[in-house]
């Protein structure tokens, strides 16, 4: 019994789906959390305060090859590597007029493994014909995850009062309103002011970070 090897597919939200010639040997996923670097003067350490989570990234290398060594090039309508690379870049990285941004792409390999935008592509031409035209290219691609605001807020569930929250103060922020947002109770501003040792809590310094500790029952 023979089995057909599943090919990775990359589908822009506008345009045709790309099926890779060679499945990547590997791909990497990166997840990153950022914590406040602020530390009191003379202190030997600090309690880590969560600031934000960066979008996940997917990194992998895609190969475009027209040498015919694998037999796949024979089925290609366009056998010029440069044309293949240009077509891929145009469909996945260039500004789309109707979207007013580059298109979001979905990466499928058996099942969906990633949805987001291509942040960067480095094209390495590694093999050439006698005229110096590339016949093999390796694209080092980096994707950044995208989550719609509604889905993100639902997943974050930042209104839970039994969790510790960190917030960087923005211009115009008010401690009472922040307490209302986090705890659903503006009176909790006193709790926050004490936890952060604020003397002038009515004048918050933009760029400073506040800790919103869990409320005790």
C-alpha atoms as a PDB file:
ATOM      1  CA  UNK A   1       0.000   0.000   0.000  1.00  0.00           C
ATOM      2  CA  UNK A   2       1.371   3.432  -0.945  1.00  0.00           C
ATOM      3  CA  UNK A   3       0.724   6.597   0.983  1.00  0.00           C
ATOM      4  CA  UNK A   4       0.689  10.086  -0.499  1.00  0.00           C
ATOM      5  CA  UNK A   5       2.859  12.473   1.454  1.00  0.00           C
ATOM      6  CA  UNK A   6       0.827  15.385   2.786  1.00  0.00           C
ATOM      7  CA  UNK A   7       2.233  18.715   1.597  1.00  0.00           C
ATOM      8  CA  UNK A   8       2.283  21.867   3.692  1.00  0.00           C
ATOM      9  CA  UNK A   9      -0.054  24.552   2.329  1.00  0.00           C
ATOM     10  CA  UNK A  10       0.041  28.300   2.850  1.00  0.00           C
ATOM     11  CA  UNK A  11      -3.240  30.100   2.130  1.00  0.00           C
ATOM     12  CA  UNK A  12      -3.374  33.911   1.919  1.00  0.00           C
ATOM     13  CA  UNK A  13      -6.760  35.406   2.789  1.00  0.00           C
ATOM     14  CA  UNK A  14      -6.709  36.950  -0.689  1.00  0.00           C
ATOM     15  CA  UNK A  15      -5.398  34.854  -3.570  1.00  0.00           C
ATOM     16  CA  UNK A  16      -4.481  31.286  -4.355  1.00  0.00           C
ATOM     17  CA  UNK A  17      -3.184  28.659  -1.970  1.00  0.00           C
ATOM     18  CA  UNK A  18       0.488  27.669  -2.162  1.00  0.00           C
ATOM     19  CA  UNK A  19       1.518  24.049  -1.814  1.00  0.00           C
ATOM     20  CA  UNK A  20       5.211  23.773  -0.930  1.00  0.00           C
ATOM     21  CA  UNK A  21       7.491  21.666  -3.126  1.00  0.00           C
ATOM     22  CA  UNK A  22       9.374  20.237  -0.169  1.00  0.00           C
ATOM     23  CA  UNK A  23       7.982  19.926   3.332  1.00  0.00           C
ATOM     24  CA  UNK A  24      10.254  21.700   5.829  1.00  0.00           C
ATOM     25  CA  UNK A  25      12.611  19.452   7.765  1.00  0.00           C
ATOM     26  CA  UNK A  26      11.514  21.281  10.905  1.00  0.00           C
ATOM     27  CA  UNK A  27       9.773  24.414  12.130  1.00  0.00           C
ATOM     28  CA  UNK A  28      10.022  26.290  15.401  1.00  0.00           C
ATOM     29  CA  UNK A  29       7.388  28.041  17.519  1.00  0.00           C
ATOM     30  CA  UNK A  30       8.412  30.828  19.896  1.00  0.00           C
ATOM     31  CA  UNK A  31       6.320  32.099  22.800  1.00  0.00           C
ATOM     32  CA  UNK A  32       7.475  35.092  24.852  1.00  0.00           C
ATOM     33  CA  UNK A  33       6.305  36.818  28.022  1.00  0.00           C
ATOM     34  CA  UNK A  34       7.632  40.199  29.123  1.00  0.00           C
ATOM     35  CA  UNK A  35       7.964  41.215  32.758  1.00  0.00           C
ATOM     36  CA  UNK A  36       8.557  44.663  34.180  1.00  0.00           C
ATOM     37  CA  UNK A  37      12.259  45.593  34.414  1.00  0.00           C
ATOM     38  CA  UNK A  38      11.561  48.260  37.055  1.00  0.00           C
ATOM     39  CA  UNK A  39      13.335  47.746  40.362  1.00  0.00           C
ATOM     40  CA  UNK A  40      13.575  49.928  43.428  1.00  0.00           C
ATOM     41  CA  UNK A  41      16.792  51.856  44.111  1.00  0.00           C
ATOM     42  CA  UNK A  42      19.059  49.887  46.443  1.00  0.00           C
ATOM     43  CA  UNK A  43      16.993  46.726  46.126  1.00  0.00           C
ATOM     44  CA  UNK A  44      18.801  43.446  45.449  1.00  0.00           C
ATOM     45  CA  UNK A  45      15.882  42.003  43.528  1.00  0.00           C
ATOM     46  CA  UNK A  46      12.212  42.388  42.749  1.00  0.00           C
ATOM     47  CA  UNK A  47       9.025  40.440  42.443  1.00  0.00           C
ATOM     48  CA  UNK A  48       8.392  39.755  38.768  1.00  0.00           C
ATOM     49  CA  UNK A  49       5.380  41.681  37.481  1.00  0.00           C
ATOM     50  CA  UNK A  50       3.788  40.486  34.279  1.00  0.00           C
ATOM     51  CA  UNK A  51       3.646  43.126  31.557  1.00  0.00           C
ATOM     52  CA  UNK A  52       2.497  41.475  28.327  1.00  0.00           C
ATOM     53  CA  UNK A  53       2.678  38.401  26.115  1.00  0.00           C
ATOM     54  CA  UNK A  54       4.188  38.792  22.675  1.00  0.00           C
ATOM     55  CA  UNK A  55       2.438  37.139  19.724  1.00  0.00           C
ATOM     56  CA  UNK A  56       3.709  33.647  18.979  1.00  0.00           C
ATOM     57  CA  UNK A  57       6.112  33.319  16.045  1.00  0.00           C
ATOM     58  CA  UNK A  58       6.608  30.521  13.553  1.00  0.00           C
ATOM     59  CA  UNK A  59       9.961  30.137  11.800  1.00  0.00           C
ATOM     60  CA  UNK A  60      10.738  27.736   8.969  1.00  0.00           C
ATOM     61  CA  UNK A  61      12.632  27.439   5.696  1.00  0.00           C
ATOM     62  CA  UNK A  62      10.772  26.959   2.396  1.00  0.00           C
ATOM     63  CA  UNK A  63      12.542  25.616  -0.687  1.00  0.00           C
ATOM     64  CA  UNK A  64      11.884  26.536  -4.333  1.00  0.00           C
ATOM     65  CA  UNK A  65      13.696  24.211  -6.735  1.00  0.00           C
ATOM     66  CA  UNK A  66      13.521  23.649 -10.518  1.00  0.00           C
ATOM     67  CA  UNK A  67      16.478  21.298 -10.948  1.00  0.00           C
ATOM     68  CA  UNK A  68      14.093  18.401 -11.518  1.00  0.00           C
ATOM     69  CA  UNK A  69      16.123  16.253  -9.118  1.00  0.00           C
ATOM     70  CA  UNK A  70      13.010  15.312  -7.172  1.00  0.00           C
ATOM     71  CA  UNK A  71      10.733  15.048 -10.213  1.00  0.00           C
ATOM     72  CA  UNK A  72       8.343  17.711  -8.892  1.00  0.00           C
ATOM     73  CA  UNK A  73       9.576  20.455 -11.207  1.00  0.00           C
ATOM     74  CA  UNK A  74       8.132  18.681 -14.221  1.00  0.00           C
ATOM     75  CA  UNK A  75       4.606  19.413 -13.015  1.00  0.00           C
ATOM     76  CA  UNK A  76       5.222  23.147 -12.591  1.00  0.00           C
ATOM     77  CA  UNK A  77       3.740  25.493 -15.149  1.00  0.00           C
ATOM     78  CA  UNK A  78       6.390  28.095 -14.364  1.00  0.00           C
ATOM     79  CA  UNK A  79       9.823  26.577 -13.964  1.00  0.00           C
ATOM     80  CA  UNK A  80      11.705  29.782 -13.151  1.00  0.00           C
ATOM     81  CA  UNK A  81      12.699  29.956  -9.504  1.00  0.00           C
ATOM     82  CA  UNK A  82      12.743  33.766  -9.511  1.00  0.00           C
ATOM     83  CA  UNK A  83       9.179  33.866 -10.830  1.00  0.00           C
ATOM     84  CA  UNK A  84       8.063  31.439  -8.120  1.00  0.00           C
ATOM     85  CA  UNK A  85       9.731  33.517  -5.413  1.00  0.00           C
ATOM     86  CA  UNK A  86       8.253  36.771  -6.744  1.00  0.00           C
ATOM     87  CA  UNK A  87       4.787  35.231  -6.953  1.00  0.00           C
ATOM     88  CA  UNK A  88       5.007  33.977  -3.366  1.00  0.00           C
ATOM     89  CA  UNK A  89       6.245  37.320  -2.016  1.00  0.00           C
ATOM     90  CA  UNK A  90       3.588  39.288  -3.898  1.00  0.00           C
ATOM     91  CA  UNK A  91       0.771  37.109  -2.566  1.00  0.00           C
ATOM     92  CA  UNK A  92       1.931  36.914   1.063  1.00  0.00           C
ATOM     93  CA  UNK A  93       4.003  39.983   1.964  1.00  0.00           C
ATOM     94  CA  UNK A  94       3.032  42.911  -0.241  1.00  0.00           C
ATOM     95  CA  UNK A  95       0.385  45.503   0.594  1.00  0.00           C
ATOM     96  CA  UNK A  96      -3.028  44.412  -0.627  1.00  0.00           C
ATOM     97  CA  UNK A  97      -5.091  47.303  -2.006  1.00  0.00           C
ATOM     98  CA  UNK A  98      -8.457  46.028  -0.793  1.00  0.00           C
ATOM     99  CA  UNK A  99      -7.146  45.077   2.661  1.00  0.00           C
ATOM    100  CA  UNK A 100      -4.881  48.122   3.103  1.00  0.00           C
ATOM    101  CA  UNK A 101      -2.261  45.796   4.596  1.00  0.00           C
ATOM    102  CA  UNK A 102      -0.433  42.579   3.718  1.00  0.00           C
ATOM    103  CA  UNK A 103      -2.742  39.549   3.771  1.00  0.00           C
ATOM    104  CA  UNK A 104      -3.162  37.257   6.734  1.00  0.00           C
ATOM    105  CA  UNK A 105      -2.035  33.720   5.929  1.00  0.00           C
ATOM    106  CA  UNK A 106      -2.992  30.314   7.260  1.00  0.00           C
ATOM    107  CA  UNK A 107      -0.417  27.533   7.398  1.00  0.00           C
ATOM    108  CA  UNK A 108      -1.834  24.033   7.105  1.00  0.00           C
ATOM    109  CA  UNK A 109       0.035  20.767   7.372  1.00  0.00           C
ATOM    110  CA  UNK A 110      -2.507  18.018   7.937  1.00  0.00           C
ATOM    111  CA  UNK A 111      -4.354  20.512  10.139  1.00  0.00           C
ATOM    112  CA  UNK A 112      -4.044  24.227  10.787  1.00  0.00           C
ATOM    113  CA  UNK A 113      -0.884  24.939  12.720  1.00  0.00           C
ATOM    114  CA  UNK A 114      -0.679  28.719  12.462  1.00  0.00           C
ATOM    115  CA  UNK A 115      -2.550  31.868  11.443  1.00  0.00           C
ATOM    116  CA  UNK A 116      -0.967  35.281  11.179  1.00  0.00           C
ATOM    117  CA  UNK A 117       1.234  37.479   9.021  1.00  0.00           C
ATOM    118  CA  UNK A 118       4.639  36.990   7.439  1.00  0.00           C
ATOM    119  CA  UNK A 119       6.915  39.346   9.336  1.00  0.00           C
ATOM    120  CA  UNK A 120      10.104  38.703   7.374  1.00  0.00           C
ATOM    121  CA  UNK A 121      11.473  36.626   4.499  1.00  0.00           C
ATOM    122  CA  UNK A 122      15.156  36.166   3.701  1.00  0.00           C
ATOM    123  CA  UNK A 123      15.734  34.663   0.251  1.00  0.00           C
ATOM    124  CA  UNK A 124      18.952  32.689  -0.148  1.00  0.00           C
ATOM    125  CA  UNK A 125      19.772  31.635  -3.724  1.00  0.00           C
ATOM    126  CA  UNK A 126      21.899  28.511  -3.431  1.00  0.00           C
ATOM    127  CA  UNK A 127      22.129  26.992  -6.951  1.00  0.00           C
ATOM    128  CA  UNK A 128      22.416  28.525 -10.428  1.00  0.00           C
ATOM    129  CA  UNK A 129      22.373  27.432 -14.064  1.00  0.00           C
ATOM    130  CA  UNK A 130      25.139  28.175 -16.566  1.00  0.00           C
ATOM    131  CA  UNK A 131      23.696  31.625 -17.263  1.00  0.00           C
ATOM    132  CA  UNK A 132      23.730  32.525 -13.594  1.00  0.00           C
ATOM    133  CA  UNK A 133      19.978  32.291 -13.169  1.00  0.00           C
ATOM    134  CA  UNK A 134      18.855  30.803  -9.843  1.00  0.00           C
ATOM    135  CA  UNK A 135      17.422  27.298  -9.970  1.00  0.00           C
ATOM    136  CA  UNK A 136      17.156  26.805  -6.224  1.00  0.00           C
ATOM    137  CA  UNK A 137      16.156  29.227  -3.465  1.00  0.00           C
ATOM    138  CA  UNK A 138      15.716  28.799   0.272  1.00  0.00           C
ATOM    139  CA  UNK A 139      13.295  31.215   1.951  1.00  0.00           C
ATOM    140  CA  UNK A 140      13.829  31.737   5.672  1.00  0.00           C
ATOM    141  CA  UNK A 141      10.379  32.843   6.780  1.00  0.00           C
ATOM    142  CA  UNK A 142       9.153  34.252  10.068  1.00  0.00           C
ATOM    143  CA  UNK A 143       5.404  34.448  10.786  1.00  0.00           C
ATOM    144  CA  UNK A 144       3.761  36.438  13.589  1.00  0.00           C
ATOM    145  CA  UNK A 145       0.487  35.172  15.041  1.00  0.00           C
ATOM    146  CA  UNK A 146      -2.676  37.218  14.728  1.00  0.00           C
ATOM    147  CA  UNK A 147      -5.682  36.922  17.030  1.00  0.00           C
ATOM    148  CA  UNK A 148      -8.800  39.036  16.583  1.00  0.00           C
ATOM    149  CA  UNK A 149      -9.396  41.436  19.488  1.00  0.00           C
ATOM    150  CA  UNK A 150     -12.604  39.695  20.529  1.00  0.00           C
ATOM    151  CA  UNK A 151     -10.951  36.277  20.628  1.00  0.00           C
ATOM    152  CA  UNK A 152      -7.918  37.667  22.444  1.00  0.00           C
ATOM    153  CA  UNK A 153      -9.952  39.377  25.153  1.00  0.00           C
ATOM    154  CA  UNK A 154     -11.995  36.228  25.666  1.00  0.00           C
ATOM    155  CA  UNK A 155      -8.852  34.136  25.983  1.00  0.00           C
ATOM    156  CA  UNK A 156      -7.100  36.609  28.291  1.00  0.00           C
ATOM    157  CA  UNK A 157     -10.041  36.955  30.719  1.00  0.00           C
ATOM    158  CA  UNK A 158      -8.240  39.849  32.390  1.00  0.00           C
ATOM    159  CA  UNK A 159     -11.217  40.883  34.495  1.00  0.00           C
ATOM    160  CA  UNK A 160     -10.752  38.085  37.009  1.00  0.00           C
ATOM    161  CA  UNK A 161     -10.227  39.710  40.410  1.00  0.00           C
ATOM    162  CA  UNK A 162      -8.414  36.688  41.872  1.00  0.00           C
ATOM    163  CA  UNK A 163      -5.382  37.162  39.607  1.00  0.00           C
ATOM    164  CA  UNK A 164      -2.472  39.593  39.800  1.00  0.00           C
ATOM    165  CA  UNK A 165      -2.405  42.017  36.875  1.00  0.00           C
ATOM    166  CA  UNK A 166       0.272  44.392  35.657  1.00  0.00           C
ATOM    167  CA  UNK A 167      -0.545  47.564  33.774  1.00  0.00           C
ATOM    168  CA  UNK A 168       1.696  50.231  32.248  1.00  0.00           C
ATOM    169  CA  UNK A 169       0.174  53.643  32.929  1.00  0.00           C
ATOM    170  CA  UNK A 170      -0.900  55.561  29.838  1.00  0.00           C
ATOM    171  CA  UNK A 171      -1.524  59.291  29.621  1.00  0.00           C
ATOM    172  CA  UNK A 172      -4.933  60.107  31.070  1.00  0.00           C
ATOM    173  CA  UNK A 173      -5.246  56.908  33.112  1.00  0.00           C
ATOM    174  CA  UNK A 174      -7.181  57.239  36.343  1.00  0.00           C
ATOM    175  CA  UNK A 175      -6.719  54.847  39.263  1.00  0.00           C
ATOM    176  CA  UNK A 176     -10.433  54.725  40.026  1.00  0.00           C
ATOM    177  CA  UNK A 177     -11.304  53.784  36.448  1.00  0.00           C
ATOM    178  CA  UNK A 178      -8.523  51.207  36.324  1.00  0.00           C
ATOM    179  CA  UNK A 179      -9.854  49.630  39.519  1.00  0.00           C
ATOM    180  CA  UNK A 180     -13.310  49.555  37.969  1.00  0.00           C
ATOM    181  CA  UNK A 181     -11.906  47.826  34.870  1.00  0.00           C
ATOM    182  CA  UNK A 182      -9.872  45.205  36.758  1.00  0.00           C
ATOM    183  CA  UNK A 183     -12.068  44.543  39.801  1.00  0.00           C
ATOM    184  CA  UNK A 184     -15.410  45.858  38.589  1.00  0.00           C
ATOM    185  CA  UNK A 185     -15.374  48.059  41.695  1.00  0.00           C
ATOM    186  CA  UNK A 186     -13.917  51.612  41.596  1.00  0.00           C
ATOM    187  CA  UNK A 187     -13.613  51.634  45.409  1.00  0.00           C
ATOM    188  CA  UNK A 188     -10.764  49.132  45.077  1.00  0.00           C
ATOM    189  CA  UNK A 189      -8.462  51.998  44.082  1.00  0.00           C
ATOM    190  CA  UNK A 190      -7.507  52.222  47.776  1.00  0.00           C
ATOM    191  CA  UNK A 191      -6.360  48.597  47.684  1.00  0.00           C
ATOM    192  CA  UNK A 192      -4.260  49.302  44.581  1.00  0.00           C
ATOM    193  CA  UNK A 193      -2.766  52.515  45.993  1.00  0.00           C
ATOM    194  CA  UNK A 194      -1.640  50.688  49.144  1.00  0.00           C
ATOM    195  CA  UNK A 195      -0.199  47.761  47.189  1.00  0.00           C
ATOM    196  CA  UNK A 196       1.851  50.127  45.028  1.00  0.00           C
ATOM    197  CA  UNK A 197       2.718  52.519  47.892  1.00  0.00           C
ATOM    198  CA  UNK A 198       1.274  55.473  45.999  1.00  0.00           C
ATOM    199  CA  UNK A 199       1.251  58.792  47.805  1.00  0.00           C
ATOM    200  CA  UNK A 200      -0.191  60.930  45.017  1.00  0.00           C
ATOM    201  CA  UNK A 201      -2.452  58.349  43.459  1.00  0.00           C
ATOM    202  CA  UNK A 202      -4.550  60.971  41.690  1.00  0.00           C
ATOM    203  CA  UNK A 203      -1.580  61.827  39.472  1.00  0.00           C
ATOM    204  CA  UNK A 204      -0.293  58.673  37.830  1.00  0.00           C
ATOM    205  CA  UNK A 205       3.029  58.886  36.022  1.00  0.00           C
ATOM    206  CA  UNK A 206       2.687  57.761  32.353  1.00  0.00           C
ATOM    207  CA  UNK A 207       5.077  54.897  31.626  1.00  0.00           C
ATOM    208  CA  UNK A 208       5.162  53.681  35.219  1.00  0.00           C
ATOM    209  CA  UNK A 209       3.827  50.239  36.026  1.00  0.00           C
ATOM    210  CA  UNK A 210       1.111  49.371  38.487  1.00  0.00           C
ATOM    211  CA  UNK A 211       0.478  46.042  40.122  1.00  0.00           C
ATOM    212  CA  UNK A 212      -3.153  45.034  40.668  1.00  0.00           C
ATOM    213  CA  UNK A 213      -3.012  42.268  43.294  1.00  0.00           C
ATOM    214  CA  UNK A 214      -5.823  39.744  43.810  1.00  0.00           C
ATOM    215  CA  UNK A 215      -8.633  40.790  46.073  1.00  0.00           C
ATOM    216  CA  UNK A 216      -8.994  38.808  49.265  1.00  0.00           C
ATOM    217  CA  UNK A 217     -12.373  37.283  50.013  1.00  0.00           C
END
